[in-house]
Amino acid sequence: MPLAFSIYYTEEERKLLEEICTEKEVPFSAIEQLIEEESEFHGMGKRKGLFPAIRRIVEEATEKRLKRT
């Protein structure tokens, strides 16, 4: 589990998010990566690079999902 996730969220919240991801067919690992990426930019005046990072994570998750189908 990424460090940021374990710092900001309880085990109960993690389980709830996993359930929601399963329900909505969203890869939990992608959500973990998004949280980790955002936490690295947290507190920065300009969060330059955040949206390209989000795009990369979403594209990777989408590609993995398409390969499975």
Protein backbone atom coordinates (compact mmCIF):
# COMPACT_ATOMS: atom_id res chain seq x y z
CA MET A 1 0.00 0.00 0.00
CA PRO A 2 1.37 3.43 -0.88
CA LEU A 3 2.63 5.43 2.08
CA ALA A 4 0.28 8.40 1.60
CA PHE A 5 -2.73 6.13 1.67
CA SER A 6 -1.75 4.56 4.97
CA ILE A 7 -1.00 7.97 6.51
CA TYR A 8 -4.24 9.69 5.55
CA TYR A 9 -6.77 6.87 5.69
CA THR A 10 -7.78 4.29 8.27
CA GLU A 11 -8.05 0.59 7.51
CA GLU A 12 -11.84 0.91 7.65
CA GLU A 13 -11.76 3.70 5.04
CA ARG A 14 -9.44 1.61 2.89
CA LYS A 15 -11.83 -1.34 2.99
CA LEU A 16 -14.78 0.91 2.12
CA LEU A 17 -12.89 2.37 -0.83
CA GLU A 18 -11.96 -1.14 -2.01
CA GLU A 19 -15.64 -2.15 -1.87
CA ILE A 20 -16.68 0.92 -3.86
CA CYS A 21 -13.95 0.29 -6.42
CA THR A 22 -15.08 -3.32 -6.82
CA GLU A 23 -18.72 -2.21 -7.16
CA LYS A 24 -17.88 0.41 -9.78
CA GLU A 25 -15.24 -1.73 -11.52
CA VAL A 26 -12.48 0.80 -10.88
CA PRO A 27 -9.01 -0.59 -10.17
CA PHE A 28 -8.23 0.07 -6.51
CA SER A 29 -4.53 0.25 -7.34
CA ALA A 30 -5.23 3.21 -9.64
CA ILE A 31 -7.03 5.03 -6.84
CA GLU A 32 -4.11 4.35 -4.51
CA GLN A 33 -1.72 5.76 -7.12
CA LEU A 34 -3.89 8.86 -7.57
CA ILE A 35 -3.93 9.50 -3.83
CA GLU A 36 -0.17 9.01 -3.62
CA GLU A 37 0.46 11.33 -6.56
CA GLU A 38 -1.80 14.06 -5.17
CA SER A 39 -0.15 13.84 -1.76
CA GLU A 40 3.22 14.55 -3.36
CA PHE A 41 1.83 17.82 -4.74
CA HIS A 42 -0.12 18.74 -1.59
CA GLY A 43 0.87 22.10 -0.17
CA MET A 44 2.67 23.26 -3.27
CA GLY A 45 1.68 26.71 -4.51
CA LYS A 46 1.69 25.54 -8.10
CA ARG A 47 0.99 21.89 -8.58
CA LYS A 48 2.60 21.78 -12.00
CA GLY A 49 2.72 18.22 -13.20
CA LEU A 50 -0.24 16.94 -11.19
CA PHE A 51 -2.69 16.69 -14.06
CA PRO A 52 -0.25 14.98 -16.42
CA ALA A 53 0.42 12.47 -13.62
CA ILE A 54 -3.32 11.91 -13.15
CA ARG A 55 -3.75 11.44 -16.89
CA ARG A 56 -0.89 8.89 -16.96
CA ILE A 57 -2.38 6.87 -14.08
CA VAL A 58 -5.86 6.86 -15.63
CA GLU A 59 -4.49 5.87 -19.05
CA GLU A 60 -2.46 3.03 -17.53
CA ALA A 61 -5.48 1.75 -15.61
CA THR A 62 -7.62 1.97 -18.74
CA GLU A 63 -5.05 0.10 -20.82
CA LYS A 64 -4.81 -2.67 -18.22
CA ARG A 65 -8.58 -2.98 -18.11
CA LEU A 66 -8.86 -3.15 -21.88
CA LYS A 67 -6.23 -5.89 -22.03
CA ARG A 68 -8.26 -7.99 -19.59
CA THR A 69 -11.41 -7.84 -21.74
